[in-house]
Amino acid sequence: LAESGGGLVQPGGSLRLSCAASGGTFSMYTGAWFRQ
């Protein structure tokens, strides 16, 4: 898995993160986002 789309934004702004998968059968999996 490879995440992209992060960056620096001001409060009230927007961002769109994307997770691209390779290998396996993607439709066989539940997807999720976590943060630290």
Full PDB file with SEQRES, HELIX, SHEET, SSBOND, CRYST1, ORIGX, SCALE, CONECT and MASTER records, all heavy atoms in Angstrom:
SEQRES   1 A   36  LEU ALA GLU SER GLY GLY GLY LEU VAL GLN PRO GLY GLY          
SEQRES   2 A   36  SER LEU ARG LEU SER CYS ALA ALA SER GLY GLY THR PHE          
SEQRES   3 A   36  SER MET TYR THR GLY ALA TRP PHE ARG GLN                      
HELIX    1 AA1 PHE A   26  MET A   28  5                                   3    
SHEET    1 AA1 2 ALA A   2  SER A   4  0                                        
SHEET    2 AA1 2 SER A  18  ALA A  20 -1                                        
CRYST1    1.000    1.000    1.000  90.00  90.00  90.00 P 1           1          
ORIGX1      1.000000  0.000000  0.000000        0.00000                         
ORIGX2      0.000000  1.000000  0.000000        0.00000                         
ORIGX3      0.000000  0.000000  1.000000        0.00000                         
SCALE1      1.000000  0.000000  0.000000        0.00000                         
SCALE2      0.000000  1.000000  0.000000        0.00000                         
SCALE3      0.000000  0.000000  1.000000        0.00000                         
ATOM      1  N   LEU A   1       0.829  -1.189   0.000  1.00  0.00           N  
ATOM      2  CA  LEU A   1       0.000   0.000   0.000  1.00  0.00           C  
ATOM      3  C   LEU A   1       0.869   1.245   0.000  1.00  0.00           C  
ATOM      4  O   LEU A   1       1.903   1.287   0.673  1.00  0.00           O  
ATOM      5  CB  LEU A   1      -0.912   0.026   1.223  1.00  0.00           C  
ATOM      6  CG  LEU A   1      -1.823  -1.187   1.431  1.00  0.00           C  
ATOM      7  CD1 LEU A   1      -2.607  -1.033   2.733  1.00  0.00           C  
ATOM      8  CD2 LEU A   1      -2.773  -1.344   0.256  1.00  0.00           C  
ATOM      9  N   ALA A   2       0.440   2.258  -0.740  1.00  0.00           N  
ATOM     10  CA  ALA A   2       1.166   3.519  -0.811  1.00  0.00           C  
ATOM     11  C   ALA A   2       0.198   4.682  -0.668  1.00  0.00           C  
ATOM     12  O   ALA A   2      -0.698   4.848  -1.498  1.00  0.00           O  
ATOM     13  CB  ALA A   2       1.927   3.618  -2.129  1.00  0.00           C  
ATOM     14  N   GLU A   3       0.377   5.491   0.388  1.00  0.00           N  
ATOM     15  CA  GLU A   3      -0.470   6.655   0.617  1.00  0.00           C  
ATOM     16  C   GLU A   3       0.123   7.885  -0.057  1.00  0.00           C  
ATOM     17  O   GLU A   3       1.343   8.015  -0.172  1.00  0.00           O  
ATOM     18  CB  GLU A   3      -0.632   6.938   2.114  1.00  0.00           C  
ATOM     19  CG  GLU A   3      -1.203   5.784   2.921  1.00  0.00           C  
ATOM     20  CD  GLU A   3      -0.130   4.952   3.582  1.00  0.00           C  
ATOM     21  OE1 GLU A   3       1.015   4.945   3.079  1.00  0.00           O  
ATOM     22  OE2 GLU A   3      -0.421   4.311   4.613  1.00  0.00           O  
ATOM     23  N   SER A   4      -0.754   8.804  -0.449  1.00  0.00           N  
ATOM     24  CA  SER A   4      -0.320  10.065  -1.029  1.00  0.00           C  
ATOM     25  C   SER A   4      -1.382  11.129  -0.769  1.00  0.00           C  
ATOM     26  O   SER A   4      -2.506  10.813  -0.384  1.00  0.00           O  
ATOM     27  CB  SER A   4      -0.077   9.931  -2.533  1.00  0.00           C  
ATOM     28  OG  SER A   4      -1.273   9.587  -3.214  1.00  0.00           O  
ATOM     29  N   GLY A   5      -1.030  12.387  -0.964  1.00  0.00           N  
ATOM     30  CA  GLY A   5      -1.976  13.480  -0.834  1.00  0.00           C  
ATOM     31  C   GLY A   5      -1.842  14.302   0.428  1.00  0.00           C  
ATOM     32  O   GLY A   5      -2.551  15.303   0.588  1.00  0.00           O  
ATOM     33  N   GLY A   6      -0.963  13.914   1.333  1.00  0.00           N  
ATOM     34  CA  GLY A   6      -0.766  14.679   2.554  1.00  0.00           C  
ATOM     35  C   GLY A   6      -0.064  15.995   2.283  1.00  0.00           C  
ATOM     36  O   GLY A   6       0.458  16.239   1.196  1.00  0.00           O  
ATOM     37  N   GLY A   7      -0.057  16.861   3.299  1.00  0.00           N  
ATOM     38  CA  GLY A   7       0.591  18.148   3.154  1.00  0.00           C  
ATOM     39  C   GLY A   7       0.212  19.097   4.268  1.00  0.00           C  
ATOM     40  O   GLY A   7      -0.388  18.705   5.266  1.00  0.00           O  
ATOM     41  N   LEU A   8       0.550  20.367   4.084  1.00  0.00           N  
ATOM     42  CA  LEU A   8       0.266  21.423   5.049  1.00  0.00           C  
ATOM     43  C   LEU A   8      -0.936  22.235   4.582  1.00  0.00           C  
ATOM     44  O   LEU A   8      -0.947  22.730   3.451  1.00  0.00           O  
ATOM     45  CB  LEU A   8       1.482  22.333   5.208  1.00  0.00           C  
ATOM     46  CG  LEU A   8       1.314  23.575   6.077  1.00  0.00           C  
ATOM     47  CD1 LEU A   8       1.034  23.173   7.523  1.00  0.00           C  
ATOM     48  CD2 LEU A   8       2.549  24.447   5.982  1.00  0.00           C  
ATOM     49  N   VAL A   9      -1.942  22.359   5.445  1.00  0.00           N  
ATOM     50  CA  VAL A   9      -3.138  23.137   5.126  1.00  0.00           C  
ATOM     51  C   VAL A   9      -3.530  23.997   6.314  1.00  0.00           C  
ATOM     52  O   VAL A   9      -3.178  23.698   7.458  1.00  0.00           O  
ATOM     53  CB  VAL A   9      -4.331  22.242   4.731  1.00  0.00           C  
ATOM     54  CG1 VAL A   9      -4.019  21.456   3.465  1.00  0.00           C  
ATOM     55  CG2 VAL A   9      -4.688  21.296   5.866  1.00  0.00           C  
ATOM     56  N   GLN A  10      -4.283  25.057   6.051  1.00  0.00           N  
ATOM     57  CA  GLN A  10      -4.788  25.926   7.105  1.00  0.00           C  
ATOM     58  C   GLN A  10      -6.056  25.354   7.716  1.00  0.00           C  
ATOM     59  O   GLN A  10      -6.771  24.577   7.066  1.00  0.00           O  
ATOM     60  CB  GLN A  10      -5.071  27.317   6.547  1.00  0.00           C  
ATOM     61  CG  GLN A  10      -3.837  28.059   6.069  1.00  0.00           C  
ATOM     62  CD  GLN A  10      -4.166  29.452   5.583  1.00  0.00           C  
ATOM     63  OE1 GLN A  10      -5.252  29.703   5.075  1.00  0.00           O  
ATOM     64  NE2 GLN A  10      -3.219  30.367   5.740  1.00  0.00           N  
ATOM     65  N   PRO A  11      -6.356  25.687   8.965  1.00  0.00           N  
ATOM     66  CA  PRO A  11      -7.624  25.247   9.557  1.00  0.00           C  
ATOM     67  C   PRO A  11      -8.802  25.635   8.673  1.00  0.00           C  
ATOM     68  O   PRO A  11      -8.855  26.738   8.141  1.00  0.00           O  
ATOM     69  CB  PRO A  11      -7.655  25.984  10.893  1.00  0.00           C  
ATOM     70  CG  PRO A  11      -6.218  26.188  11.235  1.00  0.00           C  
ATOM     71  CD  PRO A  11      -5.532  26.450   9.909  1.00  0.00           C  
ATOM     72  N   GLY A  12      -9.741  24.694   8.512  1.00  0.00           N  
ATOM     73  CA  GLY A  12     -10.882  24.914   7.647  1.00  0.00           C  
ATOM     74  C   GLY A  12     -10.664  24.466   6.216  1.00  0.00           C  
ATOM     75  O   GLY A  12     -11.619  24.416   5.429  1.00  0.00           O  
ATOM     76  N   GLY A  13      -9.442  24.123   5.882  1.00  0.00           N  
ATOM     77  CA  GLY A  13      -9.116  23.684   4.540  1.00  0.00           C  
ATOM     78  C   GLY A  13      -9.436  22.222   4.297  1.00  0.00           C  
ATOM     79  O   GLY A  13      -9.972  21.532   5.168  1.00  0.00           O  
ATOM     80  N   SER A  14      -9.094  21.745   3.106  1.00  0.00           N  
ATOM     81  CA  SER A  14      -9.400  20.375   2.704  1.00  0.00           C  
ATOM     82  C   SER A  14      -8.194  19.688   2.090  1.00  0.00           C  
ATOM     83  O   SER A  14      -7.316  20.333   1.505  1.00  0.00           O  
ATOM     84  CB  SER A  14     -10.544  20.355   1.681  1.00  0.00           C  
ATOM     85  OG  SER A  14     -11.740  20.886   2.219  1.00  0.00           O  
ATOM     86  N   LEU A  15      -8.165  18.377   2.225  1.00  0.00           N  
ATOM     87  CA  LEU A  15      -7.178  17.523   1.587  1.00  0.00           C  
ATOM     88  C   LEU A  15      -7.855  16.226   1.178  1.00  0.00           C  
ATOM     89  O   LEU A  15      -8.816  15.797   1.819  1.00  0.00           O  
ATOM     90  CB  LEU A  15      -6.012  17.193   2.518  1.00  0.00           C  
ATOM     91  CG  LEU A  15      -4.906  18.226   2.726  1.00  0.00           C  
ATOM     92  CD1 LEU A  15      -3.916  17.709   3.766  1.00  0.00           C  
ATOM     93  CD2 LEU A  15      -4.188  18.525   1.416  1.00  0.00           C  
ATOM     94  N   ARG A  16      -7.336  15.601   0.134  1.00  0.00           N  
ATOM     95  CA  ARG A  16      -7.819  14.290  -0.283  1.00  0.00           C  
ATOM     96  C   ARG A  16      -6.643  13.327  -0.293  1.00  0.00           C  
ATOM     97  O   ARG A  16      -5.689  13.511  -1.052  1.00  0.00           O  
ATOM     98  CB  ARG A  16      -8.455  14.343  -1.669  1.00  0.00           C  
ATOM     99  CG  ARG A  16      -9.139  13.025  -2.064  1.00  0.00           C  
ATOM    100  CD  ARG A  16      -9.837  13.132  -3.407  1.00  0.00           C  
ATOM    101  NE  ARG A  16     -10.553  11.911  -3.758  1.00  0.00           N  
ATOM    102  CZ  ARG A  16     -11.799  11.638  -3.406  1.00  0.00           C  
ATOM    103  NH1 ARG A  16     -12.493  12.515  -2.685  1.00  0.00           N  
ATOM    104  NH2 ARG A  16     -12.373  10.496  -3.773  1.00  0.00           N  
ATOM    105  N   LEU A  17      -6.713  12.321   0.571  1.00  0.00           N  
ATOM    106  CA  LEU A  17      -5.691  11.300   0.638  1.00  0.00           C  
ATOM    107  C   LEU A  17      -6.069  10.127  -0.249  1.00  0.00           C  
ATOM    108  O   LEU A  17      -7.240   9.785  -0.376  1.00  0.00           O  
ATOM    109  CB  LEU A  17      -5.502  10.806   2.072  1.00  0.00           C  
ATOM    110  CG  LEU A  17      -5.212  11.861   3.136  1.00  0.00           C  
ATOM    111  CD1 LEU A  17      -4.993  11.189   4.486  1.00  0.00           C  
ATOM    112  CD2 LEU A  17      -4.008  12.700   2.750  1.00  0.00           C  
ATOM    113  N   SER A  18      -5.067   9.506  -0.839  1.00  0.00           N  
ATOM    114  CA  SER A  18      -5.304   8.356  -1.686  1.00  0.00           C  
ATOM    115  C   SER A  18      -4.386   7.212  -1.277  1.00  0.00           C  
ATOM    116  O   SER A  18      -3.216   7.428  -0.957  1.00  0.00           O  
ATOM    117  CB  SER A  18      -5.071   8.705  -3.161  1.00  0.00           C  
ATOM    118  OG  SER A  18      -5.375   7.602  -3.998  1.00  0.00           O  
ATOM    119  N   CYS A  19      -4.924   6.010  -1.274  1.00  0.00           N  
ATOM    120  CA  CYS A  19      -4.172   4.795  -0.967  1.00  0.00           C  
ATOM    121  C   CYS A  19      -4.226   3.893  -2.179  1.00  0.00           C  
ATOM    122  O   CYS A  19      -5.312   3.456  -2.584  1.00  0.00           O  
ATOM    123  CB  CYS A  19      -4.766   4.098   0.253  1.00  0.00           C  
ATOM    124  SG  CYS A  19      -4.066   2.471   0.616  1.00  0.00           S  
ATOM    125  N   ALA A  20      -3.078   3.611  -2.762  1.00  0.00           N  
ATOM    126  CA  ALA A  20      -2.994   2.753  -3.937  1.00  0.00           C  
ATOM    127  C   ALA A  20      -2.446   1.387  -3.550  1.00  0.00           C  
ATOM    128  O   ALA A  20      -1.400   1.294  -2.904  1.00  0.00           O  
ATOM    129  CB  ALA A  20      -2.110   3.392  -4.997  1.00  0.00           C  
ATOM    130  N   ALA A  21      -3.147   0.337  -3.937  1.00  0.00           N  
ATOM    131  CA  ALA A  21      -2.752  -1.028  -3.602  1.00  0.00           C  
ATOM    132  C   ALA A  21      -2.186  -1.746  -4.819  1.00  0.00           C  
ATOM    133  O   ALA A  21      -2.626  -1.524  -5.950  1.00  0.00           O  
ATOM    134  CB  ALA A  21      -3.936  -1.813  -3.055  1.00  0.00           C  
ATOM    135  N   SER A  22      -1.221  -2.614  -4.569  1.00  0.00           N  
ATOM    136  CA  SER A  22      -0.672  -3.465  -5.611  1.00  0.00           C  
ATOM    137  C   SER A  22      -0.537  -4.883  -5.071  1.00  0.00           C  
ATOM    138  O   SER A  22      -0.258  -5.076  -3.885  1.00  0.00           O  
ATOM    139  CB  SER A  22       0.682  -2.945  -6.092  1.00  0.00           C  
ATOM    140  OG  SER A  22       1.630  -2.924  -5.038  1.00  0.00           O  
ATOM    141  N   GLY A  23      -0.733  -5.869  -5.933  1.00  0.00           N  
ATOM    142  CA  GLY A  23      -0.690  -7.250  -5.495  1.00  0.00           C  
ATOM    143  C   GLY A  23      -2.003  -7.658  -4.843  1.00  0.00           C  
ATOM    144  O   GLY A  23      -2.803  -6.809  -4.435  1.00  0.00           O  
ATOM    145  N   GLY A  24      -2.248  -8.962  -4.762  1.00  0.00           N  
ATOM    146  CA  GLY A  24      -3.461  -9.451  -4.143  1.00  0.00           C  
ATOM    147  C   GLY A  24      -4.707  -9.142  -4.966  1.00  0.00           C  
ATOM    148  O   GLY A  24      -4.626  -8.621  -6.072  1.00  0.00           O  
ATOM    149  N   THR A  25      -5.852  -9.459  -4.392  1.00  0.00           N  
ATOM    150  CA  THR A  25      -7.138  -9.151  -5.010  1.00  0.00           C  
ATOM    151  C   THR A  25      -7.811  -8.086  -4.172  1.00  0.00           C  
ATOM    152  O   THR A  25      -8.358  -8.364  -3.106  1.00  0.00           O  
ATOM    153  CB  THR A  25      -8.017 -10.403  -5.110  1.00  0.00           C  
ATOM    154  OG1 THR A  25      -7.331 -11.432  -5.827  1.00  0.00           O  
ATOM    155  CG2 THR A  25      -9.318 -10.075  -5.834  1.00  0.00           C  
ATOM    156  N   PHE A  26      -7.782  -6.860  -4.641  1.00  0.00           N  
ATOM    157  CA  PHE A  26      -8.209  -5.707  -3.859  1.00  0.00           C  
ATOM    158  C   PHE A  26      -9.639  -5.827  -3.350  1.00  0.00           C  
ATOM    159  O   PHE A  26      -9.936  -5.454  -2.213  1.00  0.00           O  
ATOM    160  CB  PHE A  26      -8.042  -4.439  -4.691  1.00  0.00           C  
ATOM    161  CG  PHE A  26      -8.344  -3.178  -3.948  1.00  0.00           C  
ATOM    162  CD1 PHE A  26      -7.464  -2.692  -2.990  1.00  0.00           C  
ATOM    163  CD2 PHE A  26      -9.505  -2.467  -4.205  1.00  0.00           C  
ATOM    164  CE1 PHE A  26      -7.737  -1.524  -2.301  1.00  0.00           C  
ATOM    165  CE2 PHE A  26      -9.786  -1.292  -3.528  1.00  0.00           C  
ATOM    166  CZ  PHE A  26      -8.898  -0.819  -2.571  1.00  0.00           C  
ATOM    167  N   SER A  27     -10.541  -6.343  -4.166  1.00  0.00           N  
ATOM    168  CA  SER A  27     -11.947  -6.420  -3.788  1.00  0.00           C  
ATOM    169  C   SER A  27     -12.208  -7.419  -2.665  1.00  0.00           C  
ATOM    170  O   SER A  27     -13.307  -7.438  -2.118  1.00  0.00           O  
ATOM    171  CB  SER A  27     -12.807  -6.767  -5.003  1.00  0.00           C  
ATOM    172  OG  SER A  27     -12.469  -8.038  -5.523  1.00  0.00           O  
ATOM    173  N   MET A  28     -11.235  -8.226  -2.306  1.00  0.00           N  
ATOM    174  CA  MET A  28     -11.386  -9.201  -1.231  1.00  0.00           C  
ATOM    175  C   MET A  28     -11.131  -8.587   0.149  1.00  0.00           C  
ATOM    176  O   MET A  28     -11.252  -9.284   1.155  1.00  0.00           O  
ATOM    177  CB  MET A  28     -10.430 -10.372  -1.433  1.00  0.00           C  
ATOM    178  CG  MET A  28     -10.733 -11.227  -2.656  1.00  0.00           C  
ATOM    179  SD  MET A  28     -12.269 -12.147  -2.432  1.00  0.00           S  
ATOM    180  CE  MET A  28     -12.287 -13.116  -3.954  1.00  0.00           C  
ATOM    181  N   TYR A  29     -10.803  -7.309   0.211  1.00  0.00           N  
ATOM    182  CA  TYR A  29     -10.407  -6.678   1.458  1.00  0.00           C  
ATOM    183  C   TYR A  29     -11.288  -5.504   1.851  1.00  0.00           C  
ATOM    184  O   TYR A  29     -11.738  -4.730   1.008  1.00  0.00           O  
ATOM    185  CB  TYR A  29      -8.955  -6.186   1.362  1.00  0.00           C  
ATOM    186  CG  TYR A  29      -7.947  -7.280   1.135  1.00  0.00           C  
ATOM    187  CD1 TYR A  29      -7.560  -7.632  -0.153  1.00  0.00           C  
ATOM    188  CD2 TYR A  29      -7.379  -7.954   2.210  1.00  0.00           C  
ATOM    189  CE1 TYR A  29      -6.637  -8.642  -0.366  1.00  0.00           C  
ATOM    190  CE2 TYR A  29      -6.455  -8.963   2.006  1.00  0.00           C  
ATOM    191  CZ  TYR A  29      -6.085  -9.297   0.709  1.00  0.00           C  
ATOM    192  OH  TYR A  29      -5.156 -10.298   0.512  1.00  0.00           O  
ATOM    193  N   THR A  30     -11.493  -5.397   3.157  1.00  0.00           N  
ATOM    194  CA  THR A  30     -12.029  -4.185   3.742  1.00  0.00           C  
ATOM    195  C   THR A  30     -10.907  -3.149   3.814  1.00  0.00           C  
ATOM    196  O   THR A  30      -9.769  -3.496   4.127  1.00  0.00           O  
ATOM    197  CB  THR A  30     -12.554  -4.461   5.167  1.00  0.00           C  
ATOM    198  OG1 THR A  30     -13.703  -5.304   5.090  1.00  0.00           O  
ATOM    199  CG2 THR A  30     -12.916  -3.171   5.889  1.00  0.00           C  
ATOM    200  N   GLY A  31     -11.212  -1.904   3.524  1.00  0.00           N  
ATOM    201  CA  GLY A  31     -10.220  -0.848   3.568  1.00  0.00           C  
ATOM    202  C   GLY A  31     -10.460   0.103   4.729  1.00  0.00           C  
ATOM    203  O   GLY A  31     -11.591   0.261   5.185  1.00  0.00           O  
ATOM    204  N   ALA A  32      -9.396   0.741   5.207  1.00  0.00           N  
ATOM    205  CA  ALA A  32      -9.538   1.641   6.343  1.00  0.00           C  
ATOM    206  C   ALA A  32      -8.416   2.669   6.370  1.00  0.00           C  
ATOM    207  O   ALA A  32      -7.369   2.494   5.733  1.00  0.00           O  
ATOM    208  CB  ALA A  32      -9.548   0.862   7.658  1.00  0.00           C  
ATOM    209  N   TRP A  33      -8.667   3.732   7.119  1.00  0.00           N  
ATOM    210  CA  TRP A  33      -7.662   4.749   7.407  1.00  0.00           C  
ATOM    211  C   TRP A  33      -7.511   4.887   8.912  1.00  0.00           C  
ATOM    212  O   TRP A  33      -8.507   4.934   9.639  1.00  0.00           O  
ATOM    213  CB  TRP A  33      -8.045   6.103   6.812  1.00  0.00           C  
ATOM    214  CG  TRP A  33      -7.874   6.181   5.329  1.00  0.00           C  
ATOM    215  CD1 TRP A  33      -8.800   5.912   4.375  1.00  0.00           C  
ATOM    216  CD2 TRP A  33      -6.685   6.568   4.636  1.00  0.00           C  
ATOM    217  NE1 TRP A  33      -8.270   6.108   3.124  1.00  0.00           N  
ATOM    218  CE2 TRP A  33      -6.967   6.508   3.244  1.00  0.00           C  
ATOM    219  CE3 TRP A  33      -5.409   6.959   5.035  1.00  0.00           C  
ATOM    220  CZ2 TRP A  33      -6.025   6.825   2.273  1.00  0.00           C  
ATOM    221  CZ3 TRP A  33      -4.468   7.275   4.072  1.00  0.00           C  
ATOM    222  CH2 TRP A  33      -4.783   7.201   2.708  1.00  0.00           C  
ATOM    223  N   PHE A  34      -6.273   4.951   9.366  1.00  0.00           N  
ATOM    224  CA  PHE A  34      -5.924   5.225  10.751  1.00  0.00           C  
ATOM    225  C   PHE A  34      -5.004   6.439  10.770  1.00  0.00           C  
ATOM    226  O   PHE A  34      -4.470   6.839   9.741  1.00  0.00           O  
ATOM    227  CB  PHE A  34      -5.221   4.031  11.398  1.00  0.00           C  
ATOM    228  CG  PHE A  34      -6.096   2.826  11.597  1.00  0.00           C  
ATOM    229  CD1 PHE A  34      -6.392   1.980  10.537  1.00  0.00           C  
ATOM    230  CD2 PHE A  34      -6.632   2.537  12.839  1.00  0.00           C  
ATOM    231  CE1 PHE A  34      -7.193   0.871  10.704  1.00  0.00           C  
ATOM    232  CE2 PHE A  34      -7.440   1.427  13.030  1.00  0.00           C  
ATOM    233  CZ  PHE A  34      -7.723   0.594  11.963  1.00  0.00           C  
ATOM    234  N   ARG A  35      -4.804   7.021  11.948  1.00  0.00           N  
ATOM    235  CA  ARG A  35      -3.884   8.147  12.052  1.00  0.00           C  
ATOM    236  C   ARG A  35      -3.184   8.134  13.398  1.00  0.00           C  
ATOM    237  O   ARG A  35      -3.693   7.605  14.379  1.00  0.00           O  
ATOM    238  CB  ARG A  35      -4.616   9.479  11.858  1.00  0.00           C  
ATOM    239  CG  ARG A  35      -5.587   9.847  12.965  1.00  0.00           C  
ATOM    240  CD  ARG A  35      -6.356  11.106  12.601  1.00  0.00           C  
ATOM    241  NE  ARG A  35      -7.257  11.531  13.667  1.00  0.00           N  
ATOM    242  CZ  ARG A  35      -8.118  12.536  13.566  1.00  0.00           C  
ATOM    243  NH1 ARG A  35      -8.197  13.226  12.429  1.00  0.00           N  
ATOM    244  NH2 ARG A  35      -8.903  12.854  14.586  1.00  0.00           N  
ATOM    245  N   GLN A  36      -1.997   8.732  13.437  1.00  0.00           N  
ATOM    246  CA  GLN A  36      -1.216   8.825  14.657  1.00  0.00           C  
ATOM    247  C   GLN A  36      -0.778  10.268  14.870  1.00  0.00           C  
ATOM    248  O   GLN A  36       0.161  10.736  14.216  1.00  0.00           O  
ATOM    249  CB  GLN A  36       0.003   7.901  14.604  1.00  0.00           C  
ATOM    250  CG  GLN A  36       0.774   7.849  15.908  1.00  0.00           C  
ATOM    251  CD  GLN A  36       1.816   6.744  15.922  1.00  0.00           C  
ATOM    252  OE1 GLN A  36       2.178   6.208  14.884  1.00  0.00           O  
ATOM    253  NE2 GLN A  36       2.288   6.393  17.100  1.00  0.00           N  
TER     254      GLN A  36                                                      
MASTER        0    0    0    1    2    0    0    6  253    1    0    3          
END                                                                             
